[in-house]
Amino acid sequence: MIVDDDPDDRLFFQEALNRINPDYDILEADSGKNALDLLKTGGTLPDYLFLDIAMPEMDGKLFLKAFNANKKWKGIPVIICSAGTHRIDKSEMGKLGVSHFLPKAYSITGLSEGILEAIQLVDGRKIN
C-alpha cells in the first residue's frame, strides 16, 4: 500500500514497483484517513505500507497513532517514503512502529532500488 497525497508520486511509486514485479497488487490512499478506511474495509491486508508524512487531513504521524491502535495491523511493516526524511524525528517514528525510512527518489530506477532495499531490510528476504 502506498499512502501519499500526491497523485504523481503514487503513479511514480507504482511504476517503480512494477519494475520490481509487475504482478504486485498496489493499494493506494491519498490520505491517512483514506488509508485507514481501506485497511478497515479491505479484505486483504498489504504486505508493506509505504507512508508519506506530510499530508493534509491526516498526516503520517496521526495515521501511525491510529494504525498502531489496531492489533490486526501489527505485523504490517511501515516504511516512511518522504522527500524530507532527514527532517523527520526518526526516534519518534521508531516509537510509532516505523520499520525503515526511504527518501523519495527522482528516478524510477532509483526508487525501484530503494523500494527493493527497504523490503529486504524490513524482512530480510531476497526478492527477484
Protein backbone atom coordinates (compact mmCIF):
# COMPACT_ATOMS: atom_id res chain seq x y z
CA MET A 1 0.00 0.00 0.00
CA ILE A 2 1.19 3.49 -0.85
CA VAL A 3 -0.23 6.38 1.18
CA ASP A 4 0.61 9.73 -0.40
CA ASP A 5 -1.49 12.80 -1.16
CA ASP A 6 0.35 13.50 -4.44
CA PRO A 7 -1.13 11.51 -7.36
CA ASP A 8 2.09 11.91 -9.37
CA ASP A 9 4.12 10.41 -6.52
CA ARG A 10 1.69 7.48 -6.28
CA LEU A 11 1.98 6.88 -10.04
CA PHE A 12 5.79 7.14 -9.85
CA PHE A 13 5.75 4.63 -6.97
CA GLN A 14 3.56 2.22 -9.00
CA GLU A 15 5.91 2.41 -11.97
CA ALA A 16 8.92 1.76 -9.75
CA LEU A 17 7.24 -1.19 -8.04
CA ASN A 18 6.17 -2.63 -11.40
CA ARG A 19 9.85 -2.72 -12.38
CA ILE A 20 10.49 -4.96 -9.38
CA ASN A 21 7.50 -7.21 -10.00
CA PRO A 22 4.60 -6.34 -12.35
CA ASP A 23 2.37 -8.85 -10.55
CA TYR A 24 2.24 -6.89 -7.31
CA ASP A 25 -1.18 -5.55 -6.38
CA ILE A 26 -0.90 -1.98 -5.15
CA LEU A 27 -3.41 -0.36 -2.85
CA GLU A 28 -3.43 3.43 -2.96
CA ALA A 29 -4.66 6.02 -0.50
CA ASP A 30 -4.40 9.79 -0.84
CA SER A 31 -4.51 10.48 2.89
CA GLY A 32 -4.02 8.80 6.23
CA LYS A 33 -7.79 8.79 6.75
CA ASN A 34 -8.44 7.06 3.43
CA ALA A 35 -5.71 4.52 4.19
CA LEU A 36 -7.38 3.65 7.49
CA ASP A 37 -10.72 3.27 5.71
CA LEU A 38 -9.13 0.94 3.14
CA LEU A 39 -7.47 -1.14 5.83
CA LYS A 40 -10.73 -1.44 7.76
CA THR A 41 -12.87 -2.41 4.77
CA GLY A 42 -10.38 -4.22 2.55
CA GLY A 43 -10.31 -7.99 2.53
CA THR A 44 -6.60 -8.49 2.07
CA LEU A 45 -4.10 -6.61 4.19
CA PRO A 46 -0.99 -5.21 2.48
CA ASP A 47 2.40 -6.84 2.96
CA TYR A 48 4.05 -3.42 3.30
CA LEU A 49 2.81 0.10 3.87
CA PHE A 50 4.75 2.98 2.30
CA LEU A 51 3.75 6.20 4.02
CA ASP A 52 4.31 9.86 3.26
CA ILE A 53 4.46 12.07 6.35
CA ALA A 54 3.32 15.47 5.11
CA MET A 55 -0.32 15.09 4.03
CA PRO A 56 -3.45 17.17 4.57
CA GLU A 57 -6.45 15.92 6.54
CA MET A 58 -4.48 13.28 8.45
CA ASP A 59 -0.70 13.35 8.27
CA GLY A 60 1.56 10.34 8.60
CA LYS A 61 2.15 10.81 12.32
CA LEU A 62 -1.58 10.88 13.15
CA PHE A 63 -2.10 7.94 10.81
CA LEU A 64 0.55 5.92 12.67
CA LYS A 65 -1.11 6.55 16.02
CA ALA A 66 -4.46 5.28 14.70
CA PHE A 67 -2.78 2.43 12.78
CA ASN A 68 -0.96 1.20 15.89
CA ALA A 69 -4.21 1.16 17.87
CA ASN A 70 -5.45 -1.75 15.73
CA LYS A 71 -3.74 -5.00 16.71
CA LYS A 72 -4.90 -6.62 13.44
CA TRP A 73 -2.37 -4.49 11.55
CA LYS A 74 0.55 -5.06 13.91
CA GLY A 75 2.54 -7.26 11.51
CA ILE A 76 2.46 -4.83 8.58
CA PRO A 77 5.82 -3.08 8.22
CA VAL A 78 5.57 0.68 7.75
CA ILE A 79 8.19 2.35 5.57
CA ILE A 80 8.30 6.13 5.53
CA CYS A 81 8.64 7.30 1.92
CA SER A 82 9.06 11.04 2.11
CA ALA A 83 11.08 13.81 0.49
CA GLY A 84 12.15 15.16 3.87
CA THR A 85 13.31 12.01 5.69
CA HIS A 86 16.35 13.91 7.01
CA ARG A 87 13.99 16.30 8.87
CA ILE A 88 11.92 13.54 10.45
CA ASP A 89 12.45 12.68 14.12
CA LYS A 90 13.46 9.07 13.49
CA SER A 91 13.46 8.23 17.19
CA GLU A 92 9.84 9.34 17.49
CA MET A 93 8.90 7.48 14.29
CA GLY A 94 10.61 4.36 15.61
CA LYS A 95 8.43 4.53 18.71
CA LEU A 96 5.44 4.75 16.37
CA GLY A 97 6.47 1.47 14.72
CA VAL A 98 8.24 2.68 11.58
CA SER A 99 10.49 -0.02 10.16
CA HIS A 100 12.53 1.94 7.62
CA PHE A 101 12.98 5.36 6.01
CA LEU A 102 13.05 5.65 2.22
CA PRO A 103 13.84 9.06 0.73
CA LYS A 104 11.76 9.83 -2.36
CA ALA A 105 13.92 9.32 -5.43
CA TYR A 106 13.91 11.38 -8.59
CA SER A 107 14.21 8.46 -10.99
CA ILE A 108 12.18 5.29 -11.47
CA THR A 109 15.35 3.22 -11.22
CA GLY A 110 16.44 4.92 -8.00
CA LEU A 111 13.02 4.47 -6.43
CA SER A 112 12.82 0.81 -7.55
CA GLU A 113 16.19 0.14 -5.96
CA GLY A 114 15.14 1.97 -2.78
CA ILE A 115 11.86 0.05 -2.51
CA LEU A 116 13.62 -3.28 -3.03
CA GLU A 117 16.27 -2.41 -0.45
CA ALA A 118 13.63 -1.30 2.07
CA ILE A 119 11.65 -4.52 1.66
CA GLN A 120 14.78 -6.62 2.02
CA LEU A 121 15.91 -4.73 5.11
CA VAL A 122 12.48 -4.91 6.73
CA ASP A 123 12.01 -8.64 6.42
CA GLY A 124 15.42 -9.95 5.49
CA ARG A 125 14.41 -11.88 2.39
CA LYS A 126 15.67 -11.57 -1.15
CA ILE A 127 13.22 -10.65 -3.88
CA ASN A 128 13.73 -11.49 -7.53
